[in-house]
Amino acid sequence: MISDALLIAMRFSKLIPEGIQNPWVTIDDTEKVAFDWKNRELSLTVILKPDDTAVYAALIGTASEHGTAKINGGMPYPIGDILTRYFRRET
């Protein structure tokens, strides 16, 4: 049987824009799912909740950005924007 957390992680992973670096994905004992992207002085953590809410925090150099966004079948704009600006795969 596939856990709800794993289903949430699989659903979110399909929303990640093409060409984005692969994240670290963790599921803890309480079945919270976290996606983490890191490079040089940049990091983004997205924690997924069962109610299709994403809690995110980004550290971009010395600036930070954080918030909560509903997924609603698509990548929330603030998260997608951070990913496409800062976490594209190097070719």
N, C-alpha and C. Protein backbone atom coordinates (compact mmCIF):
# COMPACT_ATOMS: atom_id res chain seq x y z
N MET A 1 0.85 -1.19 0.00
CA MET A 1 0.00 0.00 0.00
C MET A 1 0.89 1.24 0.00
N ILE A 2 0.60 2.17 -0.88
CA ILE A 2 1.35 3.42 -0.98
C ILE A 2 0.78 4.41 0.03
N SER A 3 1.67 5.04 0.80
CA SER A 3 1.22 5.99 1.81
C SER A 3 0.71 7.27 1.16
N ASP A 4 -0.13 7.99 1.90
CA ASP A 4 -0.64 9.28 1.42
C ASP A 4 0.51 10.25 1.15
N ALA A 5 1.53 10.23 2.02
CA ALA A 5 2.67 11.13 1.84
C ALA A 5 3.39 10.86 0.53
N LEU A 6 3.55 9.60 0.18
CA LEU A 6 4.21 9.26 -1.07
C LEU A 6 3.38 9.71 -2.27
N LEU A 7 2.08 9.58 -2.19
CA LEU A 7 1.20 10.06 -3.26
C LEU A 7 1.30 11.57 -3.42
N ILE A 8 1.35 12.29 -2.29
CA ILE A 8 1.50 13.74 -2.33
C ILE A 8 2.82 14.11 -3.00
N ALA A 9 3.89 13.41 -2.62
CA ALA A 9 5.21 13.68 -3.20
C ALA A 9 5.22 13.41 -4.70
N MET A 10 4.63 12.32 -5.12
CA MET A 10 4.59 11.99 -6.54
C MET A 10 3.79 13.03 -7.33
N ARG A 11 2.67 13.45 -6.77
CA ARG A 11 1.83 14.45 -7.45
C ARG A 11 2.57 15.78 -7.59
N PHE A 12 3.26 16.21 -6.53
CA PHE A 12 3.99 17.48 -6.58
C PHE A 12 5.17 17.39 -7.55
N SER A 13 5.85 16.25 -7.57
CA SER A 13 7.03 16.12 -8.44
C SER A 13 6.67 16.30 -9.91
N LYS A 14 5.45 15.96 -10.28
CA LYS A 14 5.01 16.13 -11.67
C LYS A 14 4.76 17.60 -12.02
N LEU A 15 4.67 18.46 -11.01
CA LEU A 15 4.44 19.89 -11.23
C LEU A 15 5.73 20.69 -11.38
N ILE A 16 6.86 20.06 -11.06
CA ILE A 16 8.14 20.77 -11.13
C ILE A 16 8.45 21.08 -12.59
N PRO A 17 8.75 22.34 -12.90
CA PRO A 17 9.01 22.72 -14.30
C PRO A 17 10.18 21.93 -14.90
N GLU A 18 10.10 21.72 -16.19
CA GLU A 18 11.16 21.04 -16.94
C GLU A 18 12.48 21.81 -16.81
N GLY A 19 13.58 21.09 -16.68
CA GLY A 19 14.89 21.71 -16.65
C GLY A 19 15.34 22.18 -15.28
N ILE A 20 14.60 21.83 -14.23
CA ILE A 20 14.94 22.24 -12.87
C ILE A 20 15.82 21.16 -12.24
N GLN A 21 16.78 21.58 -11.43
CA GLN A 21 17.64 20.63 -10.72
C GLN A 21 16.78 19.66 -9.91
N ASN A 22 17.28 18.45 -9.75
CA ASN A 22 16.57 17.46 -8.93
C ASN A 22 16.66 17.85 -7.46
N PRO A 23 15.54 17.76 -6.74
CA PRO A 23 15.56 18.09 -5.32
C PRO A 23 15.90 16.86 -4.47
N TRP A 24 16.24 17.12 -3.22
CA TRP A 24 16.27 16.07 -2.22
C TRP A 24 14.83 15.95 -1.72
N VAL A 25 14.33 14.75 -1.60
CA VAL A 25 12.96 14.54 -1.13
C VAL A 25 13.02 13.67 0.12
N THR A 26 12.35 14.14 1.17
CA THR A 26 12.30 13.36 2.41
C THR A 26 10.86 13.25 2.90
N ILE A 27 10.59 12.13 3.54
CA ILE A 27 9.31 11.91 4.21
C ILE A 27 9.66 11.51 5.63
N ASP A 28 9.21 12.30 6.61
CA ASP A 28 9.57 11.99 7.99
C ASP A 28 8.59 11.02 8.63
N ASP A 29 8.80 10.72 9.89
CA ASP A 29 7.97 9.74 10.61
C ASP A 29 6.51 10.16 10.70
N THR A 30 6.25 11.47 10.63
CA THR A 30 4.87 11.95 10.70
C THR A 30 4.27 12.08 9.30
N GLU A 31 5.01 11.59 8.29
CA GLU A 31 4.61 11.58 6.89
C GLU A 31 4.52 12.98 6.28
N LYS A 32 5.29 13.92 6.82
CA LYS A 32 5.43 15.22 6.16
C LYS A 32 6.44 15.05 5.03
N VAL A 33 6.14 15.65 3.91
CA VAL A 33 6.99 15.55 2.72
C VAL A 33 7.72 16.86 2.54
N ALA A 34 9.04 16.79 2.32
CA ALA A 34 9.83 17.99 2.07
C ALA A 34 10.63 17.82 0.79
N PHE A 35 10.63 18.85 -0.03
CA PHE A 35 11.47 18.94 -1.22
C PHE A 35 12.50 20.03 -0.94
N ASP A 36 13.78 19.73 -1.13
CA ASP A 36 14.85 20.69 -0.86
C ASP A 36 15.73 20.85 -2.09
N TRP A 37 15.95 22.10 -2.46
CA TRP A 37 16.90 22.45 -3.52
C TRP A 37 17.99 23.30 -2.89
N LYS A 38 19.23 23.02 -3.21
CA LYS A 38 20.34 23.82 -2.68
C LYS A 38 21.41 23.94 -3.75
N ASN A 39 22.01 25.11 -3.84
CA ASN A 39 23.21 25.33 -4.64
C ASN A 39 23.88 26.61 -4.17
N ARG A 40 25.17 26.60 -4.13
CA ARG A 40 25.98 27.73 -3.66
C ARG A 40 25.33 28.43 -2.47
N GLU A 41 24.85 29.63 -2.65
CA GLU A 41 24.26 30.41 -1.55
C GLU A 41 22.74 30.46 -1.63
N LEU A 42 22.16 29.49 -2.31
CA LEU A 42 20.72 29.47 -2.52
C LEU A 42 20.11 28.20 -1.93
N SER A 43 18.94 28.32 -1.36
CA SER A 43 18.22 27.13 -0.91
C SER A 43 16.72 27.40 -0.94
N LEU A 44 15.98 26.35 -1.22
CA LEU A 44 14.52 26.40 -1.20
C LEU A 44 14.03 25.12 -0.57
N THR A 45 13.18 25.24 0.42
CA THR A 45 12.53 24.09 1.04
C THR A 45 11.02 24.25 0.88
N VAL A 46 10.39 23.19 0.41
CA VAL A 46 8.94 23.16 0.26
C VAL A 46 8.42 21.98 1.08
N ILE A 47 7.55 22.26 2.03
CA ILE A 47 6.92 21.20 2.83
C ILE A 47 5.48 21.09 2.39
N LEU A 48 5.08 19.87 2.06
CA LEU A 48 3.73 19.63 1.56
C LEU A 48 2.84 19.09 2.67
N LYS A 49 1.65 19.67 2.76
CA LYS A 49 0.68 19.24 3.75
C LYS A 49 -0.43 18.46 3.06
N PRO A 50 -1.11 17.58 3.77
CA PRO A 50 -2.15 16.75 3.15
C PRO A 50 -3.31 17.52 2.52
N ASP A 51 -3.52 18.79 2.93
CA ASP A 51 -4.63 19.57 2.40
C ASP A 51 -4.25 20.35 1.13
N ASP A 52 -3.21 19.88 0.41
CA ASP A 52 -2.73 20.53 -0.81
C ASP A 52 -2.20 21.93 -0.57
N THR A 53 -1.61 22.13 0.60
CA THR A 53 -0.95 23.38 0.92
C THR A 53 0.55 23.14 0.91
N ALA A 54 1.29 24.08 0.34
CA ALA A 54 2.74 24.03 0.35
C ALA A 54 3.26 25.18 1.20
N VAL A 55 4.11 24.87 2.15
CA VAL A 55 4.78 25.87 2.97
C VAL A 55 6.21 25.94 2.44
N TYR A 56 6.67 27.13 2.09
CA TYR A 56 7.99 27.24 1.48
C TYR A 56 8.83 28.32 2.14
N ALA A 57 10.14 28.11 2.08
CA ALA A 57 11.10 29.10 2.58
C ALA A 57 12.31 29.06 1.66
N ALA A 58 12.75 30.24 1.23
CA ALA A 58 13.91 30.34 0.34
C ALA A 58 14.91 31.31 0.95
N LEU A 59 16.18 30.95 0.82
CA LEU A 59 17.27 31.83 1.19
C LEU A 59 18.05 32.07 -0.09
N ILE A 60 18.05 33.32 -0.52
CA ILE A 60 18.68 33.70 -1.79
C ILE A 60 19.75 34.74 -1.46
N GLY A 61 20.97 34.27 -1.30
CA GLY A 61 22.04 35.15 -0.82
C GLY A 61 21.72 35.58 0.60
N THR A 62 21.54 36.89 0.80
CA THR A 62 21.18 37.39 2.13
C THR A 62 19.69 37.70 2.24
N ALA A 63 18.95 37.51 1.16
CA ALA A 63 17.51 37.77 1.17
C ALA A 63 16.76 36.47 1.46
N SER A 64 15.57 36.61 2.00
CA SER A 64 14.74 35.43 2.24
C SER A 64 13.32 35.70 1.75
N GLU A 65 12.66 34.61 1.44
CA GLU A 65 11.27 34.66 1.00
C GLU A 65 10.58 33.44 1.57
N HIS A 66 9.36 33.60 2.05
CA HIS A 66 8.64 32.46 2.61
C HIS A 66 7.15 32.69 2.51
N GLY A 67 6.41 31.63 2.64
CA GLY A 67 4.97 31.76 2.59
C GLY A 67 4.27 30.42 2.53
N THR A 68 2.98 30.50 2.33
CA THR A 68 2.12 29.33 2.20
C THR A 68 1.30 29.51 0.94
N ALA A 69 1.15 28.44 0.17
CA ALA A 69 0.39 28.54 -1.08
C ALA A 69 -0.39 27.25 -1.31
N LYS A 70 -1.57 27.38 -1.87
CA LYS A 70 -2.37 26.23 -2.25
C LYS A 70 -1.85 25.67 -3.57
N ILE A 71 -1.83 24.35 -3.69
CA ILE A 71 -1.35 23.73 -4.91
C ILE A 71 -2.44 23.73 -5.98
N ASN A 72 -3.65 23.31 -5.64
CA ASN A 72 -4.79 23.38 -6.57
C ASN A 72 -4.48 22.85 -7.97
N GLY A 73 -3.75 21.74 -8.07
CA GLY A 73 -3.50 21.13 -9.36
C GLY A 73 -2.40 21.76 -10.19
N GLY A 74 -1.76 22.81 -9.67
CA GLY A 74 -0.67 23.45 -10.41
C GLY A 74 0.39 23.95 -9.45
N MET A 75 1.58 24.20 -10.00
CA MET A 75 2.68 24.72 -9.18
C MET A 75 2.32 26.13 -8.72
N PRO A 76 2.34 26.39 -7.41
CA PRO A 76 2.08 27.75 -6.94
C PRO A 76 3.10 28.73 -7.53
N TYR A 77 2.64 29.90 -7.96
CA TYR A 77 3.50 30.86 -8.63
C TYR A 77 4.79 31.18 -7.86
N PRO A 78 4.72 31.50 -6.55
CA PRO A 78 5.97 31.89 -5.89
C PRO A 78 7.03 30.78 -5.93
N ILE A 79 6.61 29.54 -5.77
CA ILE A 79 7.55 28.42 -5.77
C ILE A 79 8.09 28.20 -7.18
N GLY A 80 7.22 28.18 -8.17
CA GLY A 80 7.65 28.01 -9.56
C GLY A 80 8.59 29.11 -10.00
N ASP A 81 8.32 30.33 -9.57
CA ASP A 81 9.16 31.47 -9.93
C ASP A 81 10.57 31.32 -9.35
N ILE A 82 10.67 30.94 -8.09
CA ILE A 82 11.98 30.74 -7.46
C ILE A 82 12.72 29.61 -8.17
N LEU A 83 12.03 28.53 -8.45
CA LEU A 83 12.68 27.40 -9.13
C LEU A 83 13.23 27.79 -10.49
N THR A 84 12.42 28.48 -11.29
CA THR A 84 12.87 28.80 -12.65
C THR A 84 13.94 29.90 -12.66
N ARG A 85 13.95 30.78 -11.68
CA ARG A 85 14.99 31.82 -11.65
C ARG A 85 16.32 31.32 -11.11
N TYR A 86 16.29 30.40 -10.15
CA TYR A 86 17.52 30.08 -9.44
C TYR A 86 17.96 28.61 -9.50
N PHE A 87 17.12 27.71 -9.93
CA PHE A 87 17.46 26.29 -9.83
C PHE A 87 17.37 25.55 -11.17
N ARG A 88 17.68 26.23 -12.25
CA ARG A 88 17.77 25.56 -13.55
C ARG A 88 19.00 24.68 -13.60
N ARG A 89 18.88 23.54 -14.27
CA ARG A 89 20.05 22.67 -14.47
C ARG A 89 21.08 23.37 -15.33
N GLU A 90 22.32 23.22 -14.97
CA GLU A 90 23.39 23.77 -15.80
C GLU A 90 23.63 22.81 -16.95
N THR A 91 23.80 23.35 -18.15
CA THR A 91 24.01 22.48 -19.31
C THR A 91 25.45 22.45 -19.73
